[in-house]
Amino acid sequence: MGVEQVKSQQFQKSQVDADSVVGENSELLPKASIKQTALGSNCKLGEKTKIANSIVMDNVTFGKECVIQNSIICSNVAIENNCSLKNSIIGPDQMIKTLTKMNYEIFQGADHLMEI
């Protein structure tokens, strides 16, 4: 995974703090922010989406106004608008529907087994 350490820079009026890592070809729309987060390659954060203290793997798309805290998001996940995920793990190849709220949950499909 190609990544670069960023020094508190702006992405289209979005904020990435110095303690975050952003993968290649990832896009942050206006007012999105990441803090103390590893963001994989080919990810997209919708407007006003905020991610803190999390790990986001490759090819993950977030809708607008999502809040993600202390979570792990595996590859090839789509998270729709206005979702709140805290202290949760999302397995690979999943879709999280609009307005979903999760706290201390593990979400994975029946065709995936995850060991924690």
Protein backbone atom coordinates (compact mmCIF):
# COMPACT_ATOMS: atom_id res chain seq x y z
CA MET A 1 0.00 0.00 0.00
CA GLY A 2 1.54 3.32 -1.01
CA VAL A 3 1.16 5.82 1.80
CA GLU A 4 2.51 9.18 2.72
CA GLN A 5 2.88 10.85 6.09
CA VAL A 6 1.12 14.20 6.00
CA LYS A 7 1.96 17.27 8.01
CA SER A 8 -1.41 18.78 8.95
CA GLN A 9 -2.38 19.69 5.41
CA GLN A 10 -5.60 20.63 3.69
CA PHE A 11 -7.48 18.52 1.13
CA GLN A 12 -10.15 20.72 -0.50
CA LYS A 13 -10.78 22.54 2.79
CA SER A 14 -10.54 19.27 4.71
CA GLN A 15 -8.17 18.57 7.58
CA VAL A 16 -5.63 15.76 7.98
CA ASP A 17 -3.60 15.99 11.18
CA ALA A 18 0.11 15.23 11.43
CA ASP A 19 -0.55 11.92 13.22
CA SER A 20 -2.48 10.48 10.27
CA VAL A 21 -1.37 8.53 7.21
CA VAL A 22 -3.20 8.80 3.88
CA GLY A 23 -2.94 6.20 1.10
CA GLU A 24 -2.56 6.93 -2.59
CA ASN A 25 -5.55 8.22 -4.56
CA SER A 26 -7.65 8.87 -1.47
CA GLU A 27 -9.99 11.85 -1.58
CA LEU A 28 -11.43 14.01 1.18
CA LEU A 29 -14.37 16.20 0.22
CA PRO A 30 -14.88 19.64 1.83
CA LYS A 31 -14.92 19.79 5.63
CA ALA A 32 -13.99 16.12 6.05
CA SER A 33 -11.30 15.43 8.66
CA ILE A 34 -9.11 12.64 9.93
CA LYS A 35 -7.20 12.59 13.20
CA GLN A 36 -4.81 9.89 14.42
CA THR A 37 -6.01 7.62 11.63
CA ALA A 38 -4.47 5.37 8.97
CA LEU A 39 -6.47 5.81 5.76
CA GLY A 40 -5.81 3.27 3.00
CA SER A 41 -5.51 3.80 -0.74
CA ASN A 42 -8.46 4.63 -3.00
CA CYS A 43 -10.70 5.81 -0.17
CA LYS A 44 -13.24 8.62 -0.36
CA LEU A 45 -14.62 10.65 2.54
CA GLY A 46 -17.85 12.54 1.96
CA GLU A 47 -18.45 16.12 3.04
CA LYS A 48 -18.26 16.73 6.80
CA THR A 49 -17.25 13.12 7.55
CA LYS A 50 -14.97 12.86 10.59
CA ILE A 51 -12.71 9.92 11.43
CA ALA A 52 -10.61 9.70 14.60
CA ASN A 53 -8.33 7.05 16.12
CA SER A 54 -9.22 4.49 13.46
CA ILE A 55 -7.79 2.20 10.81
CA VAL A 56 -9.41 2.31 7.38
CA MET A 57 -8.16 -0.18 4.79
CA ASP A 58 -8.17 0.22 0.97
CA ASN A 59 -11.18 0.98 -1.23
CA VAL A 60 -13.53 2.32 1.43
CA THR A 61 -16.15 4.96 0.64
CA PHE A 62 -17.88 7.11 3.26
CA GLY A 63 -20.98 9.17 2.56
CA LYS A 64 -21.46 12.64 3.99
CA GLU A 65 -21.64 13.56 7.68
CA CYS A 66 -20.39 10.24 9.08
CA VAL A 67 -18.60 10.02 12.44
CA ILE A 68 -16.14 7.16 12.89
CA GLN A 69 -14.23 6.76 16.18
CA ASN A 70 -11.90 4.06 17.51
CA SER A 71 -12.92 1.64 14.76
CA ILE A 72 -11.43 -0.67 12.14
CA ILE A 73 -12.93 -0.63 8.65
CA CYS A 74 -11.74 -3.46 6.37
CA SER A 75 -11.29 -3.23 2.58
CA ASN A 76 -14.05 -2.73 0.02
CA VAL A 77 -16.61 -1.23 2.38
CA ALA A 78 -19.25 1.38 1.54
CA ILE A 79 -20.66 3.44 4.40
CA GLU A 80 -23.64 5.57 3.42
CA ASN A 81 -24.60 9.02 4.75
CA ASN A 82 -24.99 10.06 8.39
CA CYS A 83 -23.59 6.90 9.97
CA SER A 84 -22.00 6.78 13.42
CA LEU A 85 -19.54 3.98 14.20
CA LYS A 86 -17.76 3.90 17.54
CA ASN A 87 -15.47 1.18 18.88
CA SER A 88 -16.57 -1.14 16.08
CA ILE A 89 -15.11 -3.44 13.42
CA ILE A 90 -16.55 -3.66 9.91
CA GLY A 91 -15.48 -6.75 7.94
CA PRO A 92 -14.51 -6.70 4.25
CA ASP A 93 -16.98 -6.25 1.38
CA GLN A 94 -19.80 -4.77 3.48
CA MET A 95 -22.33 -1.98 2.99
CA ILE A 96 -23.49 0.09 5.95
CA LYS A 97 -26.84 1.76 5.27
CA THR A 98 -27.71 5.43 5.83
CA LEU A 99 -28.31 6.49 9.46
CA THR A 100 -26.73 3.31 10.91
CA LYS A 101 -25.43 3.69 14.47
CA MET A 102 -23.00 1.16 15.95
CA ASN A 103 -21.16 1.07 19.25
CA TYR A 104 -18.97 -1.87 20.29
CA GLU A 105 -20.19 -3.99 17.39
CA ILE A 106 -18.63 -6.33 14.83
CA PHE A 107 -20.34 -6.34 11.44
CA GLN A 108 -19.44 -8.99 8.87
CA GLY A 109 -21.18 -10.97 6.18
CA ALA A 110 -22.04 -14.64 6.52
CA ASP A 111 -19.44 -15.49 3.87
CA HIS A 112 -16.57 -13.99 5.89
CA LEU A 113 -15.09 -15.32 9.09
CA MET A 114 -12.99 -12.97 11.19
CA GLU A 115 -10.85 -13.91 14.12
CA ILE A 116 -10.25 -11.30 16.76
